[in-house]
Amino acid sequence: MKRLLGLFLQCVVGAEMLILITAFPVLFKKLSFHFSDYLHAIYELNARIITFGDFMLADGINSVFPVIFYKYLNSMKMLGLGVVAAFVIAFLVSYLALLFFKNRIHILKNILEILEAIPDLMIILLLQFMVIYIYKQTGIKLAQVVTIREEAILLPVICLSVPISFYITKVIIHHIEEELDKHYVILAKAKGLKFSYILNVHVLRNIVDSLFGTSKTIFWSMLSTLLVIDYLFNMNGLLRVMLTAPDPFFIGCSLIFIPFFILFRLYEWVSFDRRKDVE
């Protein structure tokens, strides 16, 4: 009960921080300082939340609800597919590299460092150009390049997952190498167990909690890439709508922050309790 109360208070504090950020442009409206207007904007936004007041889109006529829920579900679907694809790519690359090219893994690390330095925007544009070029040369349409009548899904998911997969691959290899230096792995090797067995049964299972430490970085990085994809693929998703007016910004931030904050906290509790039981 104490944990749930603490979680609720943390969500309230988080929501208040979002209100402060949402109202922040009022503070420097017309390039001058308007502290009283800023406080009024904060009060007004809090009042609308408590009284379930209207939240409007940029046109000031139509309500944010339920339009923003549809955009939220579409964007989270895209984000979820991107996360799954990124981890599948990263695990396959790191697993095969450690299994078959363990002695030359430093080459892969150097390649990943170079690829990670390439801006996400450049990678997305190159992938779009590649699909268009193949279509012009062969007449084969590999994927929808932009959302007009048909919704583009495959290429946006690839563009969302590929840039972050370089970072995830590097992190997975790092954690696996750290795990391979531990005493239980050395003991397993001394007993004559195959490297593939040690990797599959023990090492991969033990790096899950370590990967959780980087999951927040991965999540926020993919959100920023998702905004770029919204514009480049004409998807008009949640993040693009959030930038149009204060109300969609606050509601959108709340829909992103609160559910994911609760999920991260719940996982931390479960993980902590599991480690405590093991000890």
Protein backbone atom coordinates (compact mmCIF):
# COMPACT_ATOMS: atom_id res chain seq x y z
CA MET A 1 0.00 0.00 0.00
CA LYS A 2 2.86 2.36 0.85
CA ARG A 3 4.45 1.62 -2.54
CA LEU A 4 1.21 2.38 -4.41
CA LEU A 5 0.74 5.64 -2.50
CA GLY A 6 4.32 6.61 -3.32
CA LEU A 7 3.75 5.74 -6.97
CA PHE A 8 0.59 7.89 -7.06
CA LEU A 9 2.41 10.87 -5.51
CA GLN A 10 5.26 10.48 -7.99
CA CYS A 11 2.76 10.52 -10.87
CA VAL A 12 1.14 13.67 -9.43
CA VAL A 13 4.53 15.38 -9.13
CA GLY A 14 5.36 14.30 -12.67
CA ALA A 15 2.06 15.71 -13.97
CA GLU A 16 2.73 19.02 -12.19
CA MET A 17 6.16 19.19 -13.81
CA LEU A 18 4.50 18.70 -17.19
CA ILE A 19 2.11 21.56 -16.36
CA LEU A 20 5.07 23.83 -15.52
CA ILE A 21 6.71 22.92 -18.85
CA THR A 22 3.46 23.35 -20.82
CA ALA A 23 2.87 26.83 -19.40
CA PHE A 24 6.52 27.88 -19.78
CA PRO A 25 6.10 29.69 -23.16
CA VAL A 26 3.71 32.11 -21.42
CA LEU A 27 6.55 33.22 -19.14
CA PHE A 28 8.49 34.71 -22.08
CA LYS A 29 5.58 35.67 -24.31
CA LYS A 30 6.45 38.42 -26.83
CA LEU A 31 10.08 38.35 -25.65
CA SER A 32 9.25 39.84 -22.24
CA PHE A 33 8.85 38.44 -18.72
CA HIS A 34 5.25 37.61 -17.67
CA PHE A 35 5.49 35.84 -14.30
CA SER A 36 1.89 36.60 -13.24
CA ASP A 37 0.55 35.27 -16.56
CA TYR A 38 2.69 32.17 -16.09
CA LEU A 39 1.19 31.52 -12.63
CA HIS A 40 -2.29 32.11 -14.04
CA ALA A 41 -1.64 29.60 -16.86
CA ILE A 42 -0.49 27.02 -14.30
CA TYR A 43 -3.58 27.64 -12.15
CA GLU A 44 -5.91 27.50 -15.16
CA LEU A 45 -4.44 24.21 -16.40
CA ASN A 46 -4.69 22.65 -12.93
CA ALA A 47 -8.28 23.85 -12.62
CA ARG A 48 -9.24 22.28 -15.94
CA ILE A 49 -7.72 18.95 -14.86
CA ILE A 50 -9.57 18.94 -11.52
CA THR A 51 -12.91 20.01 -13.04
CA PHE A 52 -12.50 17.88 -16.20
CA GLY A 53 -12.59 21.02 -18.34
CA ASP A 54 -12.21 21.16 -22.11
CA PHE A 55 -8.83 20.66 -23.77
CA MET A 56 -8.78 22.02 -27.29
CA LEU A 57 -6.75 21.37 -30.44
CA ALA A 58 -4.77 24.12 -32.17
CA ASP A 59 -7.88 25.39 -33.98
CA GLY A 60 -9.50 26.24 -30.62
CA ILE A 61 -12.78 24.67 -31.78
CA ASN A 62 -12.39 20.89 -31.67
CA SER A 63 -11.68 18.96 -28.49
CA VAL A 64 -8.45 17.05 -27.98
CA PHE A 65 -10.55 14.00 -27.07
CA PRO A 66 -11.02 11.43 -28.49
CA VAL A 67 -8.80 12.33 -31.49
CA ILE A 68 -5.61 12.23 -29.45
CA PHE A 69 -6.34 8.68 -28.26
CA TYR A 70 -6.39 7.40 -31.86
CA LYS A 71 -3.11 9.17 -32.60
CA TYR A 72 -1.65 7.86 -29.34
CA LEU A 73 -2.57 4.26 -30.18
CA ASN A 74 -1.15 4.56 -33.71
CA SER A 75 2.10 6.10 -32.46
CA MET A 76 2.48 3.52 -29.66
CA LYS A 77 1.81 0.72 -32.18
CA MET A 78 4.61 2.10 -34.33
CA LEU A 79 6.87 2.52 -31.30
CA GLY A 80 6.13 -1.00 -30.07
CA LEU A 81 6.89 -2.55 -33.46
CA GLY A 82 10.07 -0.49 -33.64
CA VAL A 83 11.25 -1.63 -30.20
CA VAL A 84 10.61 -5.30 -31.04
CA ALA A 85 12.36 -4.98 -34.41
CA ALA A 86 15.34 -3.14 -32.88
CA PHE A 87 15.87 -5.77 -30.17
CA VAL A 88 15.47 -8.64 -32.66
CA ILE A 89 18.09 -7.09 -34.97
CA ALA A 90 20.44 -6.33 -32.05
CA PHE A 91 20.14 -9.79 -30.47
CA LEU A 92 20.65 -11.58 -33.78
CA VAL A 93 23.71 -9.52 -34.72
CA SER A 94 25.33 -9.72 -31.27
CA TYR A 95 24.48 -13.41 -30.79
CA LEU A 96 25.82 -14.52 -34.19
CA ALA A 97 28.90 -12.31 -33.82
CA LEU A 98 29.78 -13.77 -30.40
CA LEU A 99 29.02 -17.30 -31.55
CA PHE A 100 30.98 -17.31 -34.82
CA PHE A 101 33.30 -14.27 -34.74
CA LYS A 102 34.20 -14.03 -31.05
CA ASN A 103 37.91 -13.42 -31.74
CA ARG A 104 37.15 -10.57 -34.17
CA ILE A 105 34.37 -8.91 -32.21
CA HIS A 106 36.44 -5.69 -31.97
CA ILE A 107 35.86 -5.15 -35.71
CA LEU A 108 32.09 -5.19 -35.19
CA LYS A 109 32.45 -2.75 -32.29
CA ASN A 110 34.36 -0.31 -34.49
CA ILE A 111 31.72 -0.60 -37.23
CA LEU A 112 28.95 0.02 -34.68
CA GLU A 113 30.75 3.13 -33.41
CA ILE A 114 30.87 4.52 -36.97
CA LEU A 115 27.23 3.63 -37.70
CA GLU A 116 26.06 5.12 -34.40
CA ALA A 117 27.70 8.43 -35.35
CA ILE A 118 25.52 8.73 -38.46
CA PRO A 119 22.51 11.02 -37.76
CA ASP A 120 19.13 9.28 -37.64
CA LEU A 121 17.76 11.70 -40.22
CA MET A 122 20.42 10.69 -42.75
CA ILE A 123 19.71 6.99 -42.24
CA ILE A 124 15.95 7.53 -42.69
CA LEU A 125 16.46 9.58 -45.87
CA LEU A 126 18.87 6.97 -47.28
CA LEU A 127 16.37 4.17 -46.64
CA GLN A 128 13.60 6.19 -48.32
CA PHE A 129 15.86 6.97 -51.27
CA MET A 130 16.84 3.29 -51.59
CA VAL A 131 13.18 2.17 -51.76
CA ILE A 132 12.38 4.87 -54.36
CA TYR A 133 15.48 3.99 -56.42
CA ILE A 134 14.66 0.26 -56.46
CA TYR A 135 11.07 1.07 -57.48
CA LYS A 136 12.26 3.30 -60.36
CA GLN A 137 14.79 0.73 -61.57
CA THR A 138 12.75 -2.47 -61.21
CA GLY A 139 9.12 -1.43 -60.70
CA ILE A 140 9.09 -3.38 -57.43
CA LYS A 141 7.52 -1.45 -54.55
CA LEU A 142 9.25 -2.73 -51.41
CA ALA A 143 7.33 -0.48 -49.02
CA GLN A 144 5.05 2.55 -48.84
CA VAL A 145 7.33 5.59 -48.71
CA VAL A 146 4.79 8.16 -47.46
CA THR A 147 1.31 8.05 -45.96
CA ILE A 148 -1.22 9.50 -48.43
CA ARG A 149 -4.02 7.04 -49.14
CA GLU A 150 -2.21 3.95 -47.90
CA GLU A 151 -0.65 4.02 -44.44
CA ALA A 152 3.12 3.57 -44.41
CA ILE A 153 4.07 0.96 -41.78
CA LEU A 154 6.96 -1.28 -42.84
CA LEU A 155 9.47 1.41 -43.82
CA PRO A 156 8.74 3.67 -40.80
CA VAL A 157 9.25 0.68 -38.47
CA ILE A 158 12.56 -0.13 -40.18
CA CYS A 159 13.64 3.53 -40.00
CA LEU A 160 12.67 3.64 -36.32
CA SER A 161 14.43 0.40 -35.36
CA VAL A 162 17.65 0.44 -37.41
CA PRO A 163 19.37 3.55 -35.89
CA ILE A 164 18.76 2.50 -32.27
CA SER A 165 19.69 -1.14 -33.03
CA PHE A 166 23.35 -0.05 -33.40
CA TYR A 167 23.34 1.23 -29.82
CA ILE A 168 21.45 -1.80 -28.46
CA THR A 169 23.85 -4.20 -30.20
CA LYS A 170 26.82 -2.42 -28.65
CA VAL A 171 25.21 -2.53 -25.20
CA ILE A 172 24.31 -6.24 -25.50
CA ILE A 173 27.86 -7.17 -26.57
CA HIS A 174 29.28 -5.13 -23.68
CA HIS A 175 27.06 -6.83 -21.09
CA ILE A 176 27.70 -10.30 -22.52
CA GLU A 177 31.48 -9.74 -22.42
CA GLU A 178 31.21 -8.58 -18.81
CA GLU A 179 29.19 -11.69 -17.98
CA LEU A 180 31.69 -13.97 -19.71
CA ASP A 181 34.44 -12.75 -17.36
CA LYS A 182 32.53 -13.82 -14.23
CA HIS A 183 33.60 -16.81 -12.15
CA TYR A 184 30.61 -19.03 -12.91
CA VAL A 185 31.36 -18.84 -16.65
CA ILE A 186 35.03 -19.70 -16.08
CA LEU A 187 33.89 -22.65 -13.91
CA ALA A 188 31.44 -23.78 -16.60
CA LYS A 189 34.21 -23.67 -19.22
CA ALA A 190 36.49 -25.67 -16.91
CA LYS A 191 33.78 -28.33 -16.67
CA GLY A 192 33.85 -28.64 -20.46
CA LEU A 193 30.51 -27.02 -21.23
CA LYS A 194 30.18 -25.67 -24.76
CA PHE A 195 30.33 -21.91 -25.28
CA SER A 196 26.97 -21.95 -27.07
CA TYR A 197 25.34 -23.68 -24.07
CA ILE A 198 26.82 -21.18 -21.60
CA LEU A 199 25.72 -18.28 -23.80
CA ASN A 200 22.16 -19.56 -24.33
CA VAL A 201 21.35 -20.94 -20.89
CA HIS A 202 23.19 -18.65 -18.50
CA VAL A 203 24.61 -15.48 -20.02
CA LEU A 204 21.62 -14.21 -22.05
CA ARG A 205 19.28 -14.78 -19.11
CA ASN A 206 21.56 -12.88 -16.73
CA ILE A 207 21.91 -9.73 -18.87
CA VAL A 208 18.17 -8.94 -18.91
CA ASP A 209 18.32 -6.78 -15.76
CA SER A 210 21.44 -5.03 -17.07
CA LEU A 211 19.63 -4.15 -20.29
CA PHE A 212 16.80 -2.62 -18.27
CA GLY A 213 19.24 0.05 -17.09
CA THR A 214 19.55 1.31 -20.69
CA SER A 215 15.87 0.85 -21.60
CA LYS A 216 14.96 4.43 -20.64
CA THR A 217 17.69 5.82 -22.91
CA ILE A 218 16.42 3.58 -25.73
CA PHE A 219 12.81 4.67 -25.14
CA TRP A 220 13.49 8.42 -25.22
CA SER A 221 15.83 8.08 -28.21
CA MET A 222 13.14 6.23 -30.18
CA LEU A 223 10.55 8.86 -29.25
CA SER A 224 12.72 11.60 -30.76
CA THR A 225 13.19 9.50 -33.91
CA LEU A 226 9.43 8.90 -34.03
CA LEU A 227 8.86 12.66 -34.27
CA VAL A 228 11.15 12.83 -37.32
CA ILE A 229 9.32 9.86 -38.87
CA ASP A 230 5.96 11.57 -38.27
CA TYR A 231 7.08 14.45 -40.47
CA LEU A 232 9.04 12.56 -43.13
CA PHE A 233 6.32 9.95 -43.69
CA ASN A 234 3.42 12.42 -43.36
CA MET A 235 1.93 10.30 -40.58
CA ASN A 236 0.51 13.13 -38.44
CA GLY A 237 1.00 11.05 -35.30
CA LEU A 238 0.86 11.95 -31.62
CA LEU A 239 4.22 13.73 -31.37
CA ARG A 240 3.48 15.93 -34.38
CA VAL A 241 0.09 16.97 -32.96
CA MET A 242 1.67 17.67 -29.55
CA LEU A 243 3.73 20.50 -31.05
CA THR A 244 0.71 22.36 -32.42
CA ALA A 245 -0.76 23.77 -29.15
CA PRO A 246 -0.31 23.65 -25.33
CA ASP A 247 -3.33 21.41 -24.65
CA PRO A 248 -2.32 18.57 -27.02
CA PHE A 249 1.24 18.91 -25.70
CA PHE A 250 0.18 18.40 -22.08
CA ILE A 251 -2.26 15.56 -22.81
CA GLY A 252 0.25 13.85 -25.11
CA CYS A 253 3.08 14.13 -22.57
CA SER A 254 0.78 12.73 -19.87
CA LEU A 255 -0.24 9.79 -22.07
CA ILE A 256 3.44 9.00 -22.68
CA PHE A 257 4.89 9.73 -19.25
CA ILE A 258 2.38 8.23 -16.79
CA PRO A 259 1.83 4.73 -18.32
CA PHE A 260 5.53 4.19 -19.04
CA PHE A 261 6.60 5.57 -15.67
CA ILE A 262 4.25 3.08 -13.96
CA LEU A 263 5.56 0.20 -16.12
CA PHE A 264 9.19 1.04 -15.32
CA ARG A 265 8.42 1.33 -11.61
CA LEU A 266 6.53 -2.01 -11.54
CA TYR A 267 9.42 -3.75 -13.27
CA GLU A 268 11.87 -2.25 -10.78
CA TRP A 269 9.78 -3.57 -7.89
CA VAL A 270 9.51 -7.07 -9.38
CA SER A 271 13.20 -7.14 -10.24
CA PHE A 272 14.21 -5.89 -6.77
CA ASP A 273 11.99 -8.48 -5.03
CA ARG A 274 13.38 -11.27 -7.22
CA ARG A 275 17.00 -10.32 -6.44
CA LYS A 276 16.13 -10.04 -2.74
CA ASP A 277 14.66 -13.58 -2.77
CA VAL A 278 17.78 -14.93 -4.49
CA GLU A 279 20.03 -13.32 -1.90
